[in-house]
Amino acid sequence: MRDFKKLKIWHKAHKLTLDIYRVTRDFPKEEIYGITSQMRRASSSIEFNLAEGCGRESEKELGRFAIISMGSTSELECELLLSFDLGYLGKVDYKRLEQKTIEVKKKLSSFIVKLRK
């Protein structure tokens, strides 16, 4: 069992979630149960699954939850693009959040590889 708060990847995922919550506050109210909710769930799922995996008994289980986090990261990447295309996100916010998401994705990939060794 690990302390998830000691994982650098968890901290990056947590900061990304906070950013997603901030930018989605300005999304149209009719999207509260649509893209706003989806983006918030996808971003928080990244850090939640890492935390849950840390509470499991083995590195193998942690790796499985990290892979689930990777799926949520890909989902968020797609939702960011959709939000930009719909005009809910400006170019600056889109690029900034896309870059953060890709960074989390790369770090997750490295983390998963390390767990498999």
N, C-alpha and C. Protein backbone atom coordinates (compact mmCIF):
# COMPACT_ATOMS: atom_id res chain seq x y z
N MET A 1 0.85 -1.18 0.00
CA MET A 1 0.00 0.00 0.00
C MET A 1 0.89 1.24 0.00
N ARG A 2 0.55 2.20 -0.84
CA ARG A 2 1.32 3.45 -0.97
C ARG A 2 0.47 4.64 -0.53
N ASP A 3 1.15 5.72 -0.23
CA ASP A 3 0.46 6.99 0.04
C ASP A 3 0.37 7.75 -1.29
N PHE A 4 -0.83 7.87 -1.82
CA PHE A 4 -1.00 8.50 -3.13
C PHE A 4 -0.50 9.93 -3.16
N LYS A 5 -0.53 10.61 -2.01
CA LYS A 5 -0.09 12.01 -1.97
C LYS A 5 1.42 12.15 -2.17
N LYS A 6 2.13 11.04 -2.15
CA LYS A 6 3.57 11.08 -2.39
C LYS A 6 3.91 10.87 -3.87
N LEU A 7 2.91 10.59 -4.68
CA LEU A 7 3.15 10.39 -6.12
C LEU A 7 3.12 11.72 -6.86
N LYS A 8 4.18 12.02 -7.57
CA LYS A 8 4.22 13.26 -8.37
C LYS A 8 3.12 13.27 -9.41
N ILE A 9 2.84 12.11 -10.01
CA ILE A 9 1.79 12.03 -11.03
C ILE A 9 0.43 12.36 -10.43
N TRP A 10 0.19 11.95 -9.19
CA TRP A 10 -1.09 12.28 -8.55
C TRP A 10 -1.23 13.80 -8.40
N HIS A 11 -0.15 14.46 -7.99
CA HIS A 11 -0.19 15.92 -7.81
C HIS A 11 -0.48 16.63 -9.14
N LYS A 12 0.13 16.17 -10.21
CA LYS A 12 -0.13 16.76 -11.54
C LYS A 12 -1.58 16.54 -11.94
N ALA A 13 -2.09 15.35 -11.69
CA ALA A 13 -3.48 15.05 -12.02
C ALA A 13 -4.43 15.90 -11.17
N HIS A 14 -4.09 16.09 -9.92
CA HIS A 14 -4.93 16.91 -9.03
C HIS A 14 -4.98 18.37 -9.51
N LYS A 15 -3.83 18.90 -9.89
CA LYS A 15 -3.79 20.28 -10.39
C LYS A 15 -4.59 20.41 -11.69
N LEU A 16 -4.52 19.40 -12.54
CA LEU A 16 -5.30 19.40 -13.77
C LEU A 16 -6.79 19.41 -13.45
N THR A 17 -7.21 18.61 -12.50
CA THR A 17 -8.61 18.58 -12.09
C THR A 17 -9.06 19.95 -11.59
N LEU A 18 -8.25 20.59 -10.77
CA LEU A 18 -8.60 21.92 -10.28
C LEU A 18 -8.76 22.90 -11.43
N ASP A 19 -7.87 22.83 -12.41
CA ASP A 19 -7.97 23.70 -13.59
C ASP A 19 -9.25 23.43 -14.38
N ILE A 20 -9.59 22.17 -14.53
CA ILE A 20 -10.81 21.81 -15.26
C ILE A 20 -12.03 22.36 -14.54
N TYR A 21 -12.08 22.23 -13.24
CA TYR A 21 -13.21 22.78 -12.48
C TYR A 21 -13.30 24.29 -12.66
N ARG A 22 -12.16 24.96 -12.66
CA ARG A 22 -12.16 26.43 -12.82
C ARG A 22 -12.70 26.85 -14.19
N VAL A 23 -12.20 26.24 -15.25
CA VAL A 23 -12.62 26.68 -16.60
C VAL A 23 -14.05 26.29 -16.91
N THR A 24 -14.51 25.16 -16.37
CA THR A 24 -15.88 24.74 -16.69
C THR A 24 -16.94 25.55 -15.95
N ARG A 25 -16.54 26.34 -14.97
CA ARG A 25 -17.50 27.24 -14.30
C ARG A 25 -18.13 28.21 -15.31
N ASP A 26 -17.38 28.55 -16.35
CA ASP A 26 -17.85 29.51 -17.34
C ASP A 26 -18.56 28.86 -18.53
N PHE A 27 -18.71 27.55 -18.52
CA PHE A 27 -19.42 26.88 -19.60
C PHE A 27 -20.91 27.23 -19.52
N PRO A 28 -21.63 27.10 -20.62
CA PRO A 28 -23.06 27.40 -20.59
C PRO A 28 -23.79 26.55 -19.55
N LYS A 29 -24.77 27.15 -18.91
CA LYS A 29 -25.53 26.46 -17.86
C LYS A 29 -26.23 25.22 -18.38
N GLU A 30 -26.63 25.23 -19.65
CA GLU A 30 -27.31 24.06 -20.20
C GLU A 30 -26.37 22.86 -20.34
N GLU A 31 -25.07 23.08 -20.17
CA GLU A 31 -24.09 22.00 -20.25
C GLU A 31 -23.73 21.41 -18.89
N ILE A 32 -24.39 21.87 -17.82
CA ILE A 32 -24.03 21.41 -16.47
C ILE A 32 -24.11 19.89 -16.34
N TYR A 33 -25.07 19.27 -17.02
CA TYR A 33 -25.20 17.80 -16.97
C TYR A 33 -24.61 17.15 -18.21
N GLY A 34 -24.01 17.94 -19.06
CA GLY A 34 -23.40 17.44 -20.29
C GLY A 34 -21.89 17.48 -20.20
N ILE A 35 -21.29 18.28 -21.08
CA ILE A 35 -19.82 18.31 -21.19
C ILE A 35 -19.15 18.79 -19.90
N THR A 36 -19.78 19.71 -19.17
CA THR A 36 -19.18 20.18 -17.91
C THR A 36 -19.01 19.02 -16.95
N SER A 37 -20.08 18.27 -16.75
CA SER A 37 -20.05 17.12 -15.85
C SER A 37 -19.07 16.05 -16.34
N GLN A 38 -19.08 15.78 -17.63
CA GLN A 38 -18.19 14.76 -18.19
C GLN A 38 -16.71 15.12 -17.99
N MET A 39 -16.38 16.39 -18.26
CA MET A 39 -14.99 16.81 -18.10
C MET A 39 -14.54 16.74 -16.64
N ARG A 40 -15.42 17.13 -15.76
CA ARG A 40 -15.08 17.07 -14.34
C ARG A 40 -14.91 15.64 -13.87
N ARG A 41 -15.78 14.76 -14.33
CA ARG A 41 -15.67 13.35 -13.94
C ARG A 41 -14.41 12.72 -14.53
N ALA A 42 -14.12 13.01 -15.78
CA ALA A 42 -12.92 12.41 -16.42
C ALA A 42 -11.66 12.88 -15.73
N SER A 43 -11.56 14.18 -15.46
CA SER A 43 -10.33 14.69 -14.84
C SER A 43 -10.17 14.17 -13.42
N SER A 44 -11.25 14.17 -12.66
CA SER A 44 -11.14 13.67 -11.28
C SER A 44 -10.90 12.16 -11.26
N SER A 45 -11.40 11.46 -12.25
CA SER A 45 -11.19 10.02 -12.33
C SER A 45 -9.70 9.67 -12.45
N ILE A 46 -8.94 10.54 -13.08
CA ILE A 46 -7.50 10.29 -13.21
C ILE A 46 -6.87 10.19 -11.82
N GLU A 47 -7.11 11.19 -11.00
CA GLU A 47 -6.50 11.17 -9.66
C GLU A 47 -7.17 10.18 -8.72
N PHE A 48 -8.49 9.99 -8.86
CA PHE A 48 -9.20 9.05 -7.98
C PHE A 48 -8.72 7.62 -8.19
N ASN A 49 -8.52 7.25 -9.46
CA ASN A 49 -8.05 5.89 -9.73
C ASN A 49 -6.62 5.67 -9.25
N LEU A 50 -5.79 6.68 -9.36
CA LEU A 50 -4.44 6.56 -8.81
C LEU A 50 -4.50 6.37 -7.29
N ALA A 51 -5.34 7.14 -6.64
CA ALA A 51 -5.48 7.02 -5.19
C ALA A 51 -6.01 5.64 -4.81
N GLU A 52 -7.03 5.18 -5.53
CA GLU A 52 -7.58 3.86 -5.22
C GLU A 52 -6.55 2.77 -5.45
N GLY A 53 -5.80 2.86 -6.54
CA GLY A 53 -4.76 1.87 -6.82
C GLY A 53 -3.70 1.82 -5.73
N CYS A 54 -3.40 2.98 -5.17
CA CYS A 54 -2.41 3.02 -4.08
C CYS A 54 -2.91 2.30 -2.83
N GLY A 55 -4.21 2.21 -2.69
CA GLY A 55 -4.78 1.53 -1.53
C GLY A 55 -4.90 0.03 -1.71
N ARG A 56 -4.52 -0.47 -2.86
CA ARG A 56 -4.60 -1.90 -3.13
C ARG A 56 -3.33 -2.60 -2.65
N GLU A 57 -3.36 -3.91 -2.70
CA GLU A 57 -2.29 -4.70 -2.10
C GLU A 57 -1.03 -4.86 -2.94
N SER A 58 -1.15 -4.71 -4.25
CA SER A 58 0.02 -5.03 -5.07
C SER A 58 0.30 -3.96 -6.12
N GLU A 59 1.52 -4.00 -6.62
CA GLU A 59 1.92 -3.11 -7.71
C GLU A 59 1.11 -3.41 -8.97
N LYS A 60 0.78 -4.69 -9.16
CA LYS A 60 -0.02 -5.09 -10.32
C LYS A 60 -1.38 -4.41 -10.29
N GLU A 61 -2.01 -4.38 -9.13
CA GLU A 61 -3.32 -3.72 -9.00
C GLU A 61 -3.18 -2.21 -9.21
N LEU A 62 -2.14 -1.63 -8.66
CA LEU A 62 -1.90 -0.20 -8.87
C LEU A 62 -1.74 0.08 -10.36
N GLY A 63 -1.02 -0.80 -11.05
CA GLY A 63 -0.84 -0.65 -12.49
C GLY A 63 -2.16 -0.70 -13.24
N ARG A 64 -3.06 -1.58 -12.81
CA ARG A 64 -4.38 -1.68 -13.45
C ARG A 64 -5.16 -0.37 -13.28
N PHE A 65 -5.10 0.20 -12.09
CA PHE A 65 -5.81 1.47 -11.86
C PHE A 65 -5.13 2.63 -12.60
N ALA A 66 -3.83 2.56 -12.75
CA ALA A 66 -3.11 3.58 -13.53
C ALA A 66 -3.54 3.52 -15.00
N ILE A 67 -3.78 2.32 -15.50
CA ILE A 67 -4.25 2.16 -16.88
C ILE A 67 -5.66 2.74 -17.03
N ILE A 68 -6.48 2.56 -16.03
CA ILE A 68 -7.82 3.17 -16.05
C ILE A 68 -7.69 4.69 -16.06
N SER A 69 -6.74 5.21 -15.28
CA SER A 69 -6.47 6.66 -15.29
C SER A 69 -6.06 7.13 -16.67
N MET A 70 -5.28 6.32 -17.36
CA MET A 70 -4.84 6.66 -18.72
C MET A 70 -6.05 6.79 -19.64
N GLY A 71 -7.02 5.90 -19.50
CA GLY A 71 -8.23 5.99 -20.30
C GLY A 71 -8.98 7.29 -20.04
N SER A 72 -9.05 7.69 -18.78
CA SER A 72 -9.72 8.94 -18.42
C SER A 72 -8.98 10.15 -18.98
N THR A 73 -7.66 10.04 -19.07
CA THR A 73 -6.86 11.11 -19.63
C THR A 73 -7.16 11.28 -21.12
N SER A 74 -7.29 10.17 -21.82
CA SER A 74 -7.65 10.23 -23.24
C SER A 74 -9.05 10.81 -23.43
N GLU A 75 -9.96 10.40 -22.55
CA GLU A 75 -11.32 10.94 -22.60
C GLU A 75 -11.30 12.45 -22.42
N LEU A 76 -10.56 12.92 -21.44
CA LEU A 76 -10.46 14.36 -21.18
C LEU A 76 -9.87 15.10 -22.37
N GLU A 77 -8.88 14.51 -22.99
CA GLU A 77 -8.26 15.13 -24.17
C GLU A 77 -9.31 15.35 -25.27
N CYS A 78 -10.16 14.38 -25.48
CA CYS A 78 -11.23 14.49 -26.47
C CYS A 78 -12.26 15.54 -26.06
N GLU A 79 -12.61 15.56 -24.79
CA GLU A 79 -13.60 16.53 -24.29
C GLU A 79 -13.07 17.97 -24.39
N LEU A 80 -11.79 18.14 -24.19
CA LEU A 80 -11.19 19.47 -24.36
C LEU A 80 -11.34 19.94 -25.81
N LEU A 81 -11.06 19.05 -26.75
CA LEU A 81 -11.19 19.39 -28.16
C LEU A 81 -12.63 19.73 -28.51
N LEU A 82 -13.56 18.93 -28.03
CA LEU A 82 -14.98 19.21 -28.28
C LEU A 82 -15.38 20.57 -27.70
N SER A 83 -14.93 20.85 -26.49
CA SER A 83 -15.25 22.13 -25.85
C SER A 83 -14.69 23.30 -26.63
N PHE A 84 -13.50 23.13 -27.16
CA PHE A 84 -12.89 24.17 -28.00
C PHE A 84 -13.69 24.34 -29.29
N ASP A 85 -14.02 23.23 -29.94
CA ASP A 85 -14.76 23.28 -31.20
C ASP A 85 -16.16 23.89 -31.02
N LEU A 86 -16.75 23.69 -29.85
CA LEU A 86 -18.07 24.27 -29.56
C LEU A 86 -17.98 25.73 -29.13
N GLY A 87 -16.77 26.22 -28.93
CA GLY A 87 -16.59 27.61 -28.53
C GLY A 87 -16.69 27.85 -27.04
N TYR A 88 -16.67 26.78 -26.24
CA TYR A 88 -16.75 26.93 -24.79
C TYR A 88 -15.39 27.25 -24.18
N LEU A 89 -14.34 26.86 -24.87
CA LEU A 89 -12.97 27.14 -24.42
C LEU A 89 -12.28 28.01 -25.47
N GLY A 90 -11.60 29.03 -25.00
CA GLY A 90 -10.79 29.84 -25.89
C GLY A 90 -9.51 29.10 -26.25
N LYS A 91 -8.83 29.60 -27.27
CA LYS A 91 -7.61 28.93 -27.76
C LYS A 91 -6.53 28.84 -26.68
N VAL A 92 -6.35 29.91 -25.91
CA VAL A 92 -5.30 29.92 -24.87
C VAL A 92 -5.58 28.85 -23.81
N ASP A 93 -6.81 28.83 -23.30
CA ASP A 93 -7.16 27.81 -22.29
C ASP A 93 -7.08 26.41 -22.88
N TYR A 94 -7.57 26.26 -24.09
CA TYR A 94 -7.53 24.94 -24.73
C TYR A 94 -6.09 24.43 -24.85
N LYS A 95 -5.21 25.25 -25.38
CA LYS A 95 -3.82 24.84 -25.56
C LYS A 95 -3.15 24.53 -24.22
N ARG A 96 -3.41 25.37 -23.23
CA ARG A 96 -2.81 25.18 -21.90
C ARG A 96 -3.28 23.86 -21.27
N LEU A 97 -4.59 23.62 -21.34
CA LEU A 97 -5.13 22.40 -20.74
C LEU A 97 -4.78 21.16 -21.55
N GLU A 98 -4.73 21.31 -22.85
CA GLU A 98 -4.31 20.19 -23.69
C GLU A 98 -2.87 19.80 -23.34
N GLN A 99 -2.01 20.77 -23.19
CA GLN A 99 -0.61 20.50 -22.85
C GLN A 99 -0.49 19.82 -21.49
N LYS A 100 -1.26 20.30 -20.51
CA LYS A 100 -1.23 19.68 -19.18
C LYS A 100 -1.73 18.24 -19.24
N THR A 101 -2.76 18.02 -20.04
CA THR A 101 -3.33 16.68 -20.17
C THR A 101 -2.33 15.74 -20.82
N ILE A 102 -1.66 16.20 -21.86
CA ILE A 102 -0.64 15.38 -22.53
C ILE A 102 0.52 15.10 -21.59
N GLU A 103 0.89 16.07 -20.78
CA GLU A 103 1.96 15.86 -19.81
C GLU A 103 1.58 14.79 -18.80
N VAL A 104 0.34 14.84 -18.31
CA VAL A 104 -0.13 13.82 -17.37
C VAL A 104 -0.12 12.45 -18.06
N LYS A 105 -0.55 12.42 -19.30
CA LYS A 105 -0.59 11.17 -20.07
C LYS A 105 0.81 10.57 -20.20
N LYS A 106 1.79 11.39 -20.51
CA LYS A 106 3.18 10.91 -20.65
C LYS A 106 3.71 10.40 -19.32
N LYS A 107 3.45 11.13 -18.25
CA LYS A 107 3.93 10.71 -16.93
C LYS A 107 3.24 9.42 -16.49
N LEU A 108 1.95 9.31 -16.80
CA LEU A 108 1.23 8.08 -16.48
C LEU A 108 1.84 6.89 -17.23
N SER A 109 2.14 7.10 -18.48
CA SER A 109 2.75 6.05 -19.30
C SER A 109 4.06 5.58 -18.68
N SER A 110 4.91 6.52 -18.28
CA SER A 110 6.18 6.18 -17.64
C SER A 110 5.95 5.44 -16.32
N PHE A 111 4.96 5.90 -15.57
CA PHE A 111 4.64 5.29 -14.29
C PHE A 111 4.19 3.83 -14.49
N ILE A 112 3.36 3.61 -15.49
CA ILE A 112 2.87 2.25 -15.78
C ILE A 112 4.03 1.34 -16.18
N VAL A 113 4.92 1.85 -17.02
CA VAL A 113 6.09 1.06 -17.45
C VAL A 113 6.93 0.71 -16.22
N LYS A 114 7.15 1.66 -15.34
CA LYS A 114 7.95 1.43 -14.13
C LYS A 114 7.31 0.37 -13.23
N LEU A 115 6.00 0.38 -13.13
CA LEU A 115 5.30 -0.60 -12.30
C LEU A 115 5.41 -2.01 -12.86
N ARG A 116 5.55 -2.13 -14.16
CA ARG A 116 5.62 -3.44 -14.81
C ARG A 116 6.99 -4.10 -14.67
N LYS A 117 7.99 -3.34 -14.25
CA LYS A 117 9.35 -3.91 -14.12
C LYS A 117 9.50 -4.69 -12.84
